[in-house]
Amino acid sequence: MADEKIKGPASYFPSIEKTYGRPIAEWKALVRAGLPAKHMALVAMLKSEHGMGHGHANAVVAHTLAEQGD
């Protein structure tokens, strides 16, 4: 269905791209570069090094790790 609303972490992606001016692919690449760090360490990195808010950082990390199968 084309009208189906995006749910979960991906629902944050348009706001993340608009707020921080980088495509999601770049944020995911940063997360993957930080592996094998744990989830919260990766969230902390996005927050401290890139000024991302907690909810946005958590969404990017959760989605990226789910793709990795971790």
N, C-alpha and C. Protein backbone atom coordinates (compact mmCIF):
# COMPACT_ATOMS: atom_id res chain seq x y z
N MET A 1 0.83 -1.19 0.00
CA MET A 1 0.00 0.00 0.00
C MET A 1 0.87 1.26 0.00
N ALA A 2 0.64 2.12 -0.94
CA ALA A 2 1.46 3.33 -1.07
C ALA A 2 1.23 4.31 0.08
N ASP A 3 0.04 4.26 0.68
CA ASP A 3 -0.28 5.19 1.75
C ASP A 3 0.15 4.70 3.13
N GLU A 4 0.74 3.52 3.20
CA GLU A 4 1.12 2.95 4.48
C GLU A 4 2.20 3.80 5.14
N LYS A 5 1.98 4.13 6.38
CA LYS A 5 2.90 5.00 7.12
C LYS A 5 4.14 4.20 7.55
N ILE A 6 5.30 4.83 7.44
CA ILE A 6 6.55 4.21 7.87
C ILE A 6 6.56 4.17 9.39
N LYS A 7 6.94 3.02 9.92
CA LYS A 7 6.96 2.85 11.38
C LYS A 7 8.37 2.53 11.84
N GLY A 8 8.57 2.57 13.14
CA GLY A 8 9.85 2.21 13.73
C GLY A 8 10.91 3.27 13.49
N PRO A 9 12.18 2.84 13.64
CA PRO A 9 13.29 3.80 13.52
C PRO A 9 13.30 4.58 12.20
N ALA A 10 12.90 3.95 11.12
CA ALA A 10 12.94 4.62 9.81
C ALA A 10 12.00 5.82 9.75
N SER A 11 11.01 5.88 10.64
CA SER A 11 10.09 7.01 10.63
C SER A 11 10.80 8.32 10.99
N TYR A 12 11.95 8.22 11.63
CA TYR A 12 12.74 9.39 12.00
C TYR A 12 13.63 9.90 10.86
N PHE A 13 13.84 9.09 9.83
CA PHE A 13 14.85 9.41 8.83
C PHE A 13 14.64 10.74 8.12
N PRO A 14 13.44 11.10 7.68
CA PRO A 14 13.29 12.41 7.02
C PRO A 14 13.69 13.57 7.93
N SER A 15 13.31 13.48 9.19
CA SER A 15 13.66 14.53 10.14
C SER A 15 15.16 14.58 10.40
N ILE A 16 15.79 13.42 10.48
CA ILE A 16 17.25 13.35 10.70
C ILE A 16 17.97 14.01 9.53
N GLU A 17 17.58 13.66 8.32
CA GLU A 17 18.24 14.25 7.14
C GLU A 17 18.05 15.76 7.10
N LYS A 18 16.85 16.23 7.41
CA LYS A 18 16.57 17.66 7.40
C LYS A 18 17.33 18.39 8.50
N THR A 19 17.33 17.82 9.70
CA THR A 19 17.93 18.47 10.86
C THR A 19 19.45 18.52 10.78
N TYR A 20 20.07 17.42 10.33
CA TYR A 20 21.54 17.32 10.39
C TYR A 20 22.21 17.45 9.03
N GLY A 21 21.43 17.56 7.96
CA GLY A 21 21.97 17.88 6.64
C GLY A 21 22.81 16.82 5.97
N ARG A 22 22.64 15.57 6.39
CA ARG A 22 23.37 14.48 5.75
C ARG A 22 22.40 13.34 5.47
N PRO A 23 22.62 12.61 4.38
CA PRO A 23 21.73 11.48 4.09
C PRO A 23 21.90 10.35 5.11
N ILE A 24 20.86 9.57 5.27
CA ILE A 24 20.88 8.45 6.22
C ILE A 24 22.02 7.49 5.91
N ALA A 25 22.32 7.30 4.64
CA ALA A 25 23.42 6.40 4.26
C ALA A 25 24.73 6.81 4.92
N GLU A 26 24.99 8.11 5.03
CA GLU A 26 26.22 8.58 5.68
C GLU A 26 26.20 8.29 7.18
N TRP A 27 25.04 8.50 7.81
CA TRP A 27 24.93 8.21 9.25
C TRP A 27 25.12 6.73 9.51
N LYS A 28 24.54 5.89 8.66
CA LYS A 28 24.70 4.45 8.83
C LYS A 28 26.15 4.03 8.62
N ALA A 29 26.83 4.65 7.68
CA ALA A 29 28.24 4.34 7.45
C ALA A 29 29.07 4.68 8.68
N LEU A 30 28.75 5.80 9.35
CA LEU A 30 29.46 6.15 10.58
C LEU A 30 29.23 5.11 11.67
N VAL A 31 27.99 4.64 11.77
CA VAL A 31 27.68 3.61 12.76
C VAL A 31 28.45 2.33 12.44
N ARG A 32 28.41 1.90 11.18
CA ARG A 32 29.13 0.67 10.81
C ARG A 32 30.63 0.81 11.05
N ALA A 33 31.17 2.01 10.85
CA ALA A 33 32.60 2.23 11.09
C ALA A 33 32.94 2.10 12.57
N GLY A 34 31.96 2.34 13.43
CA GLY A 34 32.17 2.23 14.87
C GLY A 34 32.03 0.83 15.43
N LEU A 35 31.58 -0.12 14.59
CA LEU A 35 31.44 -1.49 15.05
C LEU A 35 32.80 -2.09 15.34
N PRO A 36 32.94 -2.94 16.33
CA PRO A 36 31.91 -3.71 17.01
C PRO A 36 31.42 -3.08 18.32
N ALA A 37 31.44 -1.78 18.43
CA ALA A 37 30.96 -1.13 19.66
C ALA A 37 29.51 -1.52 19.92
N LYS A 38 29.12 -1.44 21.16
CA LYS A 38 27.75 -1.75 21.57
C LYS A 38 26.80 -0.62 21.17
N HIS A 39 25.52 -0.94 21.18
CA HIS A 39 24.46 -0.01 20.77
C HIS A 39 24.60 1.36 21.44
N MET A 40 24.65 1.40 22.77
CA MET A 40 24.66 2.68 23.47
C MET A 40 25.96 3.44 23.27
N ALA A 41 27.06 2.75 23.03
CA ALA A 41 28.32 3.44 22.72
C ALA A 41 28.22 4.13 21.36
N LEU A 42 27.54 3.50 20.42
CA LEU A 42 27.36 4.10 19.10
C LEU A 42 26.41 5.30 19.18
N VAL A 43 25.36 5.18 20.00
CA VAL A 43 24.45 6.31 20.22
C VAL A 43 25.24 7.48 20.82
N ALA A 44 26.05 7.19 21.83
CA ALA A 44 26.85 8.24 22.49
C ALA A 44 27.79 8.91 21.50
N MET A 45 28.37 8.15 20.58
CA MET A 45 29.28 8.71 19.58
C MET A 45 28.54 9.69 18.67
N LEU A 46 27.36 9.31 18.20
CA LEU A 46 26.60 10.21 17.33
C LEU A 46 26.20 11.48 18.08
N LYS A 47 25.87 11.34 19.35
CA LYS A 47 25.49 12.50 20.16
C LYS A 47 26.68 13.41 20.43
N SER A 48 27.79 12.85 20.88
CA SER A 48 28.93 13.68 21.30
C SER A 48 29.75 14.22 20.14
N GLU A 49 29.94 13.41 19.11
CA GLU A 49 30.79 13.82 18.00
C GLU A 49 30.04 14.55 16.88
N HIS A 50 28.72 14.36 16.83
CA HIS A 50 27.97 14.92 15.71
C HIS A 50 26.76 15.75 16.14
N GLY A 51 26.55 15.90 17.45
CA GLY A 51 25.49 16.74 17.97
C GLY A 51 24.08 16.22 17.72
N MET A 52 23.96 14.93 17.49
CA MET A 52 22.65 14.35 17.21
C MET A 52 21.89 14.16 18.52
N GLY A 53 20.59 14.37 18.49
CA GLY A 53 19.76 14.13 19.66
C GLY A 53 19.64 12.64 19.95
N HIS A 54 19.28 12.32 21.18
CA HIS A 54 19.25 10.92 21.61
C HIS A 54 18.29 10.06 20.76
N GLY A 55 17.07 10.53 20.56
CA GLY A 55 16.10 9.74 19.80
C GLY A 55 16.54 9.48 18.37
N HIS A 56 17.10 10.50 17.73
CA HIS A 56 17.58 10.34 16.37
C HIS A 56 18.77 9.38 16.33
N ALA A 57 19.71 9.56 17.24
CA ALA A 57 20.88 8.68 17.27
C ALA A 57 20.45 7.23 17.52
N ASN A 58 19.55 7.04 18.44
CA ASN A 58 19.07 5.69 18.76
C ASN A 58 18.39 5.06 17.55
N ALA A 59 17.62 5.83 16.80
CA ALA A 59 16.93 5.31 15.62
C ALA A 59 17.93 4.87 14.55
N VAL A 60 18.94 5.68 14.29
CA VAL A 60 19.94 5.33 13.28
C VAL A 60 20.69 4.07 13.69
N VAL A 61 21.12 4.01 14.95
CA VAL A 61 21.87 2.83 15.43
C VAL A 61 20.99 1.59 15.38
N ALA A 62 19.77 1.67 15.88
CA ALA A 62 18.88 0.51 15.91
C ALA A 62 18.63 -0.03 14.50
N HIS A 63 18.37 0.86 13.56
CA HIS A 63 18.08 0.45 12.18
C HIS A 63 19.31 -0.16 11.54
N THR A 64 20.47 0.44 11.76
CA THR A 64 21.71 -0.06 11.17
C THR A 64 22.07 -1.43 11.73
N LEU A 65 21.97 -1.58 13.04
CA LEU A 65 22.29 -2.88 13.65
C LEU A 65 21.31 -3.96 13.21
N ALA A 66 20.05 -3.61 13.04
CA ALA A 66 19.07 -4.58 12.57
C ALA A 66 19.43 -5.07 11.16
N GLU A 67 19.91 -4.17 10.33
CA GLU A 67 20.34 -4.53 8.98
C GLU A 67 21.55 -5.46 9.02
N GLN A 68 22.42 -5.22 10.00
CA GLN A 68 23.64 -6.02 10.13
C GLN A 68 23.33 -7.40 10.70
N GLY A 69 22.16 -7.52 11.31
CA GLY A 69 21.80 -8.79 11.94
C GLY A 69 22.38 -8.91 13.34
N ASP A 70 22.77 -7.76 13.95
CA ASP A 70 23.35 -7.78 15.30
C ASP A 70 22.29 -7.54 16.35
